[in-house]
Amino acid sequence: MDWLGVTELVGLVLVVVLLVPLAWLGARRRWLARQGGLFECSLRLSTKTPGTGWVLGVARYRGDNLEWYRSFSLSLRPRLVFPRSQTHAGAQREPDPIESVLLYDDQRIMRMELADASSWELAMSVASLTGLLSWLESAPPGSHYR
């Protein structure tokens, strides 16, 4: 095999290594969107340093759960699941100047409190926030929404 053949082979391998993950991300996003109820939702994973720790993601309603997925992940499983019966909507606020650089435009931050005393901050558009609050409040009769 001459040097031109080796170069073509290396180029082909590089193209496959770069394009396959990108195609997978696109197919994953399309698959999530086809399930319905998908919206842009950033999650704060770390609160050690003020204004940092935000990860871009999407969330979707699936039955009585809100599932959160990272935007740039190859996994088909949600990173976090918020069961409606164990989730409470906490305080809302506007992003501070540092956070507004990391988040999408016109997003509000809401604290989600779970029954196990853990809490997470979610950032989403006002329309998505209204939908989430409505979903939380519309729990079926007999459930224990606080």
N, C-alpha and C. Protein backbone atom coordinates (compact mmCIF):
# COMPACT_ATOMS: atom_id res chain seq x y z
N MET A 1 0.85 -1.18 0.00
CA MET A 1 0.00 0.00 0.00
C MET A 1 0.89 1.24 0.00
N ASP A 2 0.66 2.13 -0.93
CA ASP A 2 1.49 3.33 -1.02
C ASP A 2 1.00 4.40 -0.03
N TRP A 3 1.71 5.51 0.05
CA TRP A 3 1.39 6.56 1.02
C TRP A 3 0.05 7.21 0.74
N LEU A 4 -0.36 7.26 -0.53
CA LEU A 4 -1.66 7.84 -0.85
C LEU A 4 -2.80 6.96 -0.31
N GLY A 5 -2.65 5.66 -0.41
CA GLY A 5 -3.66 4.74 0.13
C GLY A 5 -3.76 4.82 1.64
N VAL A 6 -2.60 4.95 2.31
CA VAL A 6 -2.59 5.08 3.76
C VAL A 6 -3.25 6.39 4.18
N THR A 7 -2.95 7.47 3.44
CA THR A 7 -3.55 8.77 3.73
C THR A 7 -5.06 8.72 3.56
N GLU A 8 -5.53 8.08 2.50
CA GLU A 8 -6.97 7.95 2.29
C GLU A 8 -7.62 7.14 3.40
N LEU A 9 -6.98 6.08 3.83
CA LEU A 9 -7.51 5.24 4.90
C LEU A 9 -7.58 6.03 6.21
N VAL A 10 -6.52 6.77 6.54
CA VAL A 10 -6.52 7.59 7.76
C VAL A 10 -7.60 8.66 7.67
N GLY A 11 -7.73 9.29 6.51
CA GLY A 11 -8.78 10.30 6.32
C GLY A 11 -10.17 9.71 6.50
N LEU A 12 -10.40 8.54 5.96
CA LEU A 12 -11.69 7.87 6.10
C LEU A 12 -11.99 7.54 7.55
N VAL A 13 -10.99 7.04 8.26
CA VAL A 13 -11.18 6.72 9.68
C VAL A 13 -11.50 7.99 10.47
N LEU A 14 -10.79 9.09 10.20
CA LEU A 14 -11.06 10.35 10.89
C LEU A 14 -12.48 10.84 10.61
N VAL A 15 -12.92 10.75 9.37
CA VAL A 15 -14.27 11.19 9.03
C VAL A 15 -15.31 10.35 9.77
N VAL A 16 -15.10 9.05 9.81
CA VAL A 16 -16.04 8.17 10.51
C VAL A 16 -16.04 8.47 12.01
N VAL A 17 -14.86 8.65 12.59
CA VAL A 17 -14.76 8.92 14.02
C VAL A 17 -15.43 10.25 14.38
N LEU A 18 -15.38 11.23 13.50
CA LEU A 18 -15.98 12.53 13.78
C LEU A 18 -17.47 12.57 13.43
N LEU A 19 -17.87 11.94 12.34
CA LEU A 19 -19.25 12.04 11.89
C LEU A 19 -20.22 11.11 12.60
N VAL A 20 -19.76 9.95 12.99
CA VAL A 20 -20.68 9.00 13.65
C VAL A 20 -21.23 9.57 14.96
N PRO A 21 -20.40 10.15 15.86
CA PRO A 21 -20.98 10.74 17.07
C PRO A 21 -21.93 11.90 16.78
N LEU A 22 -21.60 12.72 15.78
CA LEU A 22 -22.49 13.82 15.43
C LEU A 22 -23.82 13.32 14.89
N ALA A 23 -23.76 12.30 14.06
CA ALA A 23 -25.00 11.71 13.54
C ALA A 23 -25.80 11.08 14.67
N TRP A 24 -25.11 10.44 15.62
CA TRP A 24 -25.80 9.83 16.76
C TRP A 24 -26.48 10.91 17.61
N LEU A 25 -25.80 12.04 17.86
CA LEU A 25 -26.42 13.13 18.63
C LEU A 25 -27.69 13.63 17.94
N GLY A 26 -27.63 13.80 16.62
CA GLY A 26 -28.81 14.25 15.89
C GLY A 26 -29.94 13.23 15.93
N ALA A 27 -29.60 11.97 15.77
CA ALA A 27 -30.63 10.91 15.81
C ALA A 27 -31.21 10.79 17.21
N ARG A 28 -30.38 10.93 18.23
CA ARG A 28 -30.86 10.87 19.62
C ARG A 28 -31.82 12.01 19.92
N ARG A 29 -31.46 13.21 19.49
CA ARG A 29 -32.32 14.37 19.73
C ARG A 29 -33.66 14.20 19.01
N ARG A 30 -33.61 13.69 17.80
CA ARG A 30 -34.84 13.46 17.04
C ARG A 30 -35.70 12.39 17.70
N TRP A 31 -35.06 11.34 18.20
CA TRP A 31 -35.79 10.28 18.89
C TRP A 31 -36.47 10.82 20.16
N LEU A 32 -35.74 11.65 20.93
CA LEU A 32 -36.33 12.24 22.14
C LEU A 32 -37.49 13.14 21.79
N ALA A 33 -37.36 13.93 20.74
CA ALA A 33 -38.42 14.86 20.35
C ALA A 33 -39.66 14.12 19.86
N ARG A 34 -39.48 12.97 19.23
CA ARG A 34 -40.63 12.22 18.72
C ARG A 34 -41.45 11.61 19.85
N GLN A 35 -40.87 11.46 21.02
CA GLN A 35 -41.60 10.91 22.16
C GLN A 35 -42.59 11.93 22.73
N GLY A 36 -42.40 13.21 22.39
CA GLY A 36 -43.33 14.26 22.81
C GLY A 36 -42.94 14.92 24.12
N GLY A 37 -43.42 16.14 24.31
CA GLY A 37 -43.23 16.87 25.56
C GLY A 37 -41.80 17.29 25.83
N LEU A 38 -40.99 17.54 24.80
CA LEU A 38 -39.58 17.89 24.96
C LEU A 38 -39.42 19.41 24.97
N PHE A 39 -38.58 19.91 25.89
CA PHE A 39 -38.29 21.35 25.92
C PHE A 39 -36.86 21.57 26.42
N GLU A 40 -36.29 22.72 26.04
CA GLU A 40 -34.93 23.09 26.47
C GLU A 40 -34.94 23.36 27.97
N CYS A 41 -34.02 22.75 28.68
CA CYS A 41 -34.00 22.88 30.14
C CYS A 41 -32.57 22.65 30.62
N SER A 42 -31.94 23.68 31.14
CA SER A 42 -30.59 23.55 31.69
C SER A 42 -30.69 23.17 33.16
N LEU A 43 -29.69 22.45 33.64
CA LEU A 43 -29.68 21.97 35.02
C LEU A 43 -28.37 22.38 35.67
N ARG A 44 -28.46 22.79 36.92
CA ARG A 44 -27.25 23.17 37.65
C ARG A 44 -26.79 21.95 38.45
N LEU A 45 -25.66 21.38 38.05
CA LEU A 45 -25.14 20.19 38.71
C LEU A 45 -24.25 20.51 39.90
N SER A 46 -23.63 21.68 39.90
CA SER A 46 -22.71 22.05 40.97
C SER A 46 -23.01 23.46 41.45
N THR A 47 -23.07 23.64 42.75
CA THR A 47 -23.34 24.97 43.32
C THR A 47 -22.15 25.47 44.15
N LYS A 48 -20.98 24.86 43.95
CA LYS A 48 -19.81 25.25 44.75
C LYS A 48 -19.36 26.68 44.46
N THR A 49 -19.34 27.05 43.20
CA THR A 49 -18.94 28.40 42.80
C THR A 49 -20.17 29.15 42.31
N PRO A 50 -20.43 30.34 42.83
CA PRO A 50 -21.63 31.07 42.41
C PRO A 50 -21.67 31.31 40.89
N GLY A 51 -22.82 31.02 40.30
CA GLY A 51 -23.04 31.27 38.88
C GLY A 51 -22.54 30.20 37.94
N THR A 52 -21.90 29.16 38.45
CA THR A 52 -21.36 28.13 37.56
C THR A 52 -22.05 26.79 37.82
N GLY A 53 -21.65 25.78 37.07
CA GLY A 53 -22.19 24.45 37.26
C GLY A 53 -23.37 24.11 36.36
N TRP A 54 -23.71 24.98 35.40
CA TRP A 54 -24.86 24.76 34.53
C TRP A 54 -24.50 23.84 33.37
N VAL A 55 -25.41 22.94 33.06
CA VAL A 55 -25.25 22.02 31.94
C VAL A 55 -26.47 22.15 31.03
N LEU A 56 -26.23 22.37 29.74
CA LEU A 56 -27.34 22.47 28.79
C LEU A 56 -27.99 21.11 28.63
N GLY A 57 -29.31 21.12 28.52
CA GLY A 57 -30.01 19.86 28.37
C GLY A 57 -31.43 20.06 27.88
N VAL A 58 -32.13 18.96 27.80
CA VAL A 58 -33.54 18.96 27.44
C VAL A 58 -34.27 18.11 28.46
N ALA A 59 -35.53 18.40 28.64
CA ALA A 59 -36.37 17.61 29.54
C ALA A 59 -37.62 17.21 28.78
N ARG A 60 -38.21 16.11 29.21
CA ARG A 60 -39.46 15.68 28.60
C ARG A 60 -40.35 15.05 29.65
N TYR A 61 -41.64 15.17 29.39
CA TYR A 61 -42.63 14.55 30.25
C TYR A 61 -42.86 13.14 29.75
N ARG A 62 -42.81 12.19 30.66
CA ARG A 62 -43.07 10.81 30.31
C ARG A 62 -43.87 10.18 31.44
N GLY A 63 -45.17 10.07 31.22
CA GLY A 63 -46.04 9.56 32.28
C GLY A 63 -46.07 10.53 33.44
N ASP A 64 -45.77 10.03 34.62
CA ASP A 64 -45.74 10.87 35.82
C ASP A 64 -44.32 11.27 36.19
N ASN A 65 -43.42 11.27 35.24
CA ASN A 65 -42.03 11.65 35.48
C ASN A 65 -41.61 12.76 34.53
N LEU A 66 -40.72 13.59 35.03
CA LEU A 66 -40.02 14.55 34.19
C LEU A 66 -38.60 14.01 34.06
N GLU A 67 -38.17 13.72 32.84
CA GLU A 67 -36.84 13.17 32.60
C GLU A 67 -35.94 14.25 32.02
N TRP A 68 -34.72 14.35 32.58
CA TRP A 68 -33.77 15.35 32.09
C TRP A 68 -32.59 14.64 31.43
N TYR A 69 -32.24 15.11 30.22
CA TYR A 69 -31.14 14.56 29.43
C TYR A 69 -30.13 15.67 29.15
N ARG A 70 -28.85 15.33 29.17
CA ARG A 70 -27.82 16.27 28.72
C ARG A 70 -27.96 16.46 27.21
N SER A 71 -27.70 17.67 26.74
CA SER A 71 -27.77 17.92 25.29
C SER A 71 -26.66 17.20 24.55
N PHE A 72 -25.47 17.21 25.10
CA PHE A 72 -24.32 16.62 24.42
C PHE A 72 -23.87 15.34 25.12
N SER A 73 -24.72 14.35 25.06
CA SER A 73 -24.44 13.04 25.62
C SER A 73 -24.87 11.99 24.62
N LEU A 74 -24.22 10.86 24.63
CA LEU A 74 -24.59 9.79 23.72
C LEU A 74 -25.58 8.82 24.35
N SER A 75 -25.86 8.99 25.63
CA SER A 75 -26.73 8.08 26.36
C SER A 75 -28.20 8.27 26.00
N LEU A 76 -28.91 7.17 25.94
CA LEU A 76 -30.37 7.23 25.71
C LEU A 76 -31.14 7.28 27.02
N ARG A 77 -30.46 7.14 28.14
CA ARG A 77 -31.10 7.18 29.44
C ARG A 77 -31.06 8.59 30.01
N PRO A 78 -32.10 8.97 30.75
CA PRO A 78 -32.08 10.30 31.36
C PRO A 78 -31.05 10.38 32.48
N ARG A 79 -30.46 11.53 32.64
CA ARG A 79 -29.48 11.76 33.72
C ARG A 79 -30.20 11.87 35.06
N LEU A 80 -31.37 12.51 35.05
CA LEU A 80 -32.18 12.68 36.26
C LEU A 80 -33.64 12.43 35.94
N VAL A 81 -34.37 11.90 36.90
CA VAL A 81 -35.81 11.70 36.76
C VAL A 81 -36.48 12.34 37.97
N PHE A 82 -37.45 13.19 37.70
CA PHE A 82 -38.22 13.85 38.75
C PHE A 82 -39.63 13.27 38.77
N PRO A 83 -39.96 12.39 39.73
CA PRO A 83 -41.33 11.87 39.82
C PRO A 83 -42.27 12.98 40.28
N ARG A 84 -43.41 13.11 39.62
CA ARG A 84 -44.35 14.18 39.93
C ARG A 84 -44.82 14.11 41.38
N SER A 85 -45.05 12.91 41.90
CA SER A 85 -45.58 12.76 43.25
C SER A 85 -44.57 13.13 44.32
N GLN A 86 -43.28 13.19 43.97
CA GLN A 86 -42.24 13.48 44.96
C GLN A 86 -41.52 14.80 44.69
N THR A 87 -42.06 15.60 43.79
CA THR A 87 -41.39 16.83 43.37
C THR A 87 -42.24 18.04 43.75
N HIS A 88 -41.58 19.06 44.24
CA HIS A 88 -42.24 20.31 44.62
C HIS A 88 -41.53 21.47 43.95
N ALA A 89 -42.31 22.40 43.42
CA ALA A 89 -41.73 23.59 42.80
C ALA A 89 -41.32 24.58 43.88
N GLY A 90 -40.08 25.01 43.83
CA GLY A 90 -39.57 25.95 44.82
C GLY A 90 -39.54 27.36 44.27
N ALA A 91 -38.63 28.15 44.78
CA ALA A 91 -38.53 29.56 44.42
C ALA A 91 -38.05 29.74 42.99
N GLN A 92 -38.48 30.85 42.39
CA GLN A 92 -38.05 31.22 41.05
C GLN A 92 -37.22 32.49 41.14
N ARG A 93 -36.32 32.64 40.17
CA ARG A 93 -35.50 33.86 40.12
C ARG A 93 -34.98 34.06 38.71
N GLU A 94 -34.51 35.27 38.47
CA GLU A 94 -33.84 35.61 37.22
C GLU A 94 -32.37 35.19 37.32
N PRO A 95 -31.74 34.79 36.22
CA PRO A 95 -30.31 34.45 36.30
C PRO A 95 -29.47 35.69 36.59
N ASP A 96 -28.42 35.49 37.38
CA ASP A 96 -27.51 36.62 37.62
C ASP A 96 -26.65 36.83 36.37
N PRO A 97 -25.88 37.91 36.30
CA PRO A 97 -25.12 38.21 35.07
C PRO A 97 -24.17 37.09 34.63
N ILE A 98 -23.56 36.40 35.57
CA ILE A 98 -22.66 35.30 35.19
C ILE A 98 -23.46 34.15 34.59
N GLU A 99 -24.59 33.82 35.21
CA GLU A 99 -25.42 32.72 34.72
C GLU A 99 -26.04 33.02 33.37
N SER A 100 -26.38 34.27 33.12
CA SER A 100 -27.04 34.61 31.86
C SER A 100 -26.12 34.37 30.66
N VAL A 101 -24.82 34.36 30.87
CA VAL A 101 -23.88 34.05 29.80
C VAL A 101 -23.91 32.55 29.49
N LEU A 102 -24.13 31.74 30.51
CA LEU A 102 -24.08 30.28 30.36
C LEU A 102 -25.40 29.68 29.89
N LEU A 103 -26.50 30.41 30.06
CA LEU A 103 -27.83 29.89 29.74
C LEU A 103 -28.37 30.49 28.46
N TYR A 104 -29.46 29.91 27.97
CA TYR A 104 -30.15 30.48 26.81
C TYR A 104 -30.79 31.80 27.20
N ASP A 105 -31.11 32.61 26.19
CA ASP A 105 -31.75 33.91 26.45
C ASP A 105 -33.15 33.72 27.03
N ASP A 106 -33.56 34.68 27.86
CA ASP A 106 -34.92 34.75 28.42
C ASP A 106 -35.32 33.49 29.19
N GLN A 107 -34.40 32.96 29.96
CA GLN A 107 -34.74 31.81 30.80
C GLN A 107 -34.89 32.26 32.25
N ARG A 108 -35.73 31.55 32.97
CA ARG A 108 -35.90 31.75 34.41
C ARG A 108 -35.40 30.51 35.12
N ILE A 109 -34.96 30.70 36.33
CA ILE A 109 -34.43 29.60 37.13
C ILE A 109 -35.44 29.25 38.21
N MET A 110 -35.70 27.95 38.35
CA MET A 110 -36.62 27.47 39.38
C MET A 110 -35.95 26.35 40.15
N ARG A 111 -36.16 26.34 41.45
CA ARG A 111 -35.64 25.27 42.29
C ARG A 111 -36.69 24.16 42.37
N MET A 112 -36.23 22.92 42.10
CA MET A 112 -37.09 21.74 42.22
C MET A 112 -36.66 21.00 43.48
N GLU A 113 -37.59 20.80 44.38
CA GLU A 113 -37.29 20.12 45.64
C GLU A 113 -37.94 18.75 45.62
N LEU A 114 -37.15 17.74 45.96
CA LEU A 114 -37.65 16.36 45.97
C LEU A 114 -37.95 15.92 47.39
N ALA A 115 -38.72 14.86 47.51
CA ALA A 115 -39.13 14.35 48.82
C ALA A 115 -37.95 13.87 49.64
N ASP A 116 -36.84 13.47 49.01
CA ASP A 116 -35.67 12.99 49.76
C ASP A 116 -34.77 14.14 50.22
N ALA A 117 -35.29 15.36 50.23
CA ALA A 117 -34.62 16.57 50.71
C ALA A 117 -33.54 17.07 49.76
N SER A 118 -33.42 16.50 48.57
CA SER A 118 -32.48 17.04 47.60
C SER A 118 -33.19 18.11 46.78
N SER A 119 -32.41 18.99 46.21
CA SER A 119 -32.99 20.04 45.38
C SER A 119 -32.08 20.31 44.19
N TRP A 120 -32.68 20.72 43.09
CA TRP A 120 -31.98 21.00 41.85
C TRP A 120 -32.48 22.32 41.31
N GLU A 121 -31.62 23.05 40.62
CA GLU A 121 -32.04 24.27 39.94
C GLU A 121 -32.15 23.98 38.46
N LEU A 122 -33.29 24.35 37.89
CA LEU A 122 -33.56 24.18 36.46
C LEU A 122 -33.75 25.55 35.84
N ALA A 123 -33.24 25.74 34.63
CA ALA A 123 -33.43 26.99 33.90
C ALA A 123 -34.16 26.67 32.60
N MET A 124 -35.24 27.40 32.34
CA MET A 124 -36.05 27.17 31.14
C MET A 124 -36.76 28.44 30.76
N SER A 125 -37.36 28.43 29.58
CA SER A 125 -38.11 29.59 29.12
C SER A 125 -39.35 29.77 29.99
N VAL A 126 -39.93 30.96 29.93
CA VAL A 126 -41.12 31.25 30.72
C VAL A 126 -42.27 30.34 30.31
N ALA A 127 -42.42 30.08 29.02
CA ALA A 127 -43.50 29.20 28.55
C ALA A 127 -43.30 27.77 29.07
N SER A 128 -42.08 27.28 29.03
CA SER A 128 -41.80 25.94 29.55
C SER A 128 -41.99 25.87 31.06
N LEU A 129 -41.63 26.95 31.75
CA LEU A 129 -41.83 27.01 33.20
C LEU A 129 -43.32 26.96 33.54
N THR A 130 -44.13 27.68 32.79
CA THR A 130 -45.57 27.65 33.01
C THR A 130 -46.12 26.25 32.78
N GLY A 131 -45.64 25.59 31.72
CA GLY A 131 -46.07 24.22 31.45
C GLY A 131 -45.65 23.25 32.55
N LEU A 132 -44.43 23.42 33.07
CA LEU A 132 -43.96 22.55 34.14
C LEU A 132 -44.78 22.74 35.42
N LEU A 133 -45.04 23.99 35.77
CA LEU A 133 -45.86 24.25 36.96
C LEU A 133 -47.26 23.68 36.80
N SER A 134 -47.82 23.81 35.62
CA SER A 134 -49.14 23.25 35.35
C SER A 134 -49.11 21.73 35.47
N TRP A 135 -48.06 21.11 34.93
CA TRP A 135 -47.93 19.65 35.00
C TRP A 135 -47.81 19.19 36.46
N LEU A 136 -47.04 19.93 37.26
CA LEU A 136 -46.89 19.56 38.67
C LEU A 136 -48.21 19.69 39.43
N GLU A 137 -48.96 20.74 39.14
CA GLU A 137 -50.22 20.99 39.86
C GLU A 137 -51.35 20.09 39.40
N SER A 138 -51.22 19.52 38.21
CA SER A 138 -52.32 18.70 37.69
C SER A 138 -52.15 17.22 38.03
N ALA A 139 -51.55 16.95 39.16
CA ALA A 139 -51.38 15.57 39.59
C ALA A 139 -52.74 14.92 39.75
N PRO A 140 -52.85 13.63 39.46
CA PRO A 140 -54.14 12.97 39.57
C PRO A 140 -54.66 12.95 41.00
N PRO A 141 -55.98 12.82 41.17
CA PRO A 141 -56.55 12.77 42.52
C PRO A 141 -55.94 11.64 43.33
N GLY A 142 -55.70 11.91 44.59
CA GLY A 142 -55.14 10.90 45.48
C GLY A 142 -53.62 10.94 45.56
N SER A 143 -52.97 11.67 44.66
CA SER A 143 -51.51 11.77 44.77
C SER A 143 -51.18 12.78 45.86
N HIS A 144 -49.96 12.78 46.27
CA HIS A 144 -49.56 13.61 47.41
C HIS A 144 -48.74 14.80 46.99
N TYR A 145 -49.24 15.61 46.07
CA TYR A 145 -48.50 16.81 45.68
C TYR A 145 -48.61 17.83 46.81
N ARG A 146 -47.46 18.38 47.21
CA ARG A 146 -47.45 19.34 48.30
C ARG A 146 -47.76 20.72 47.80
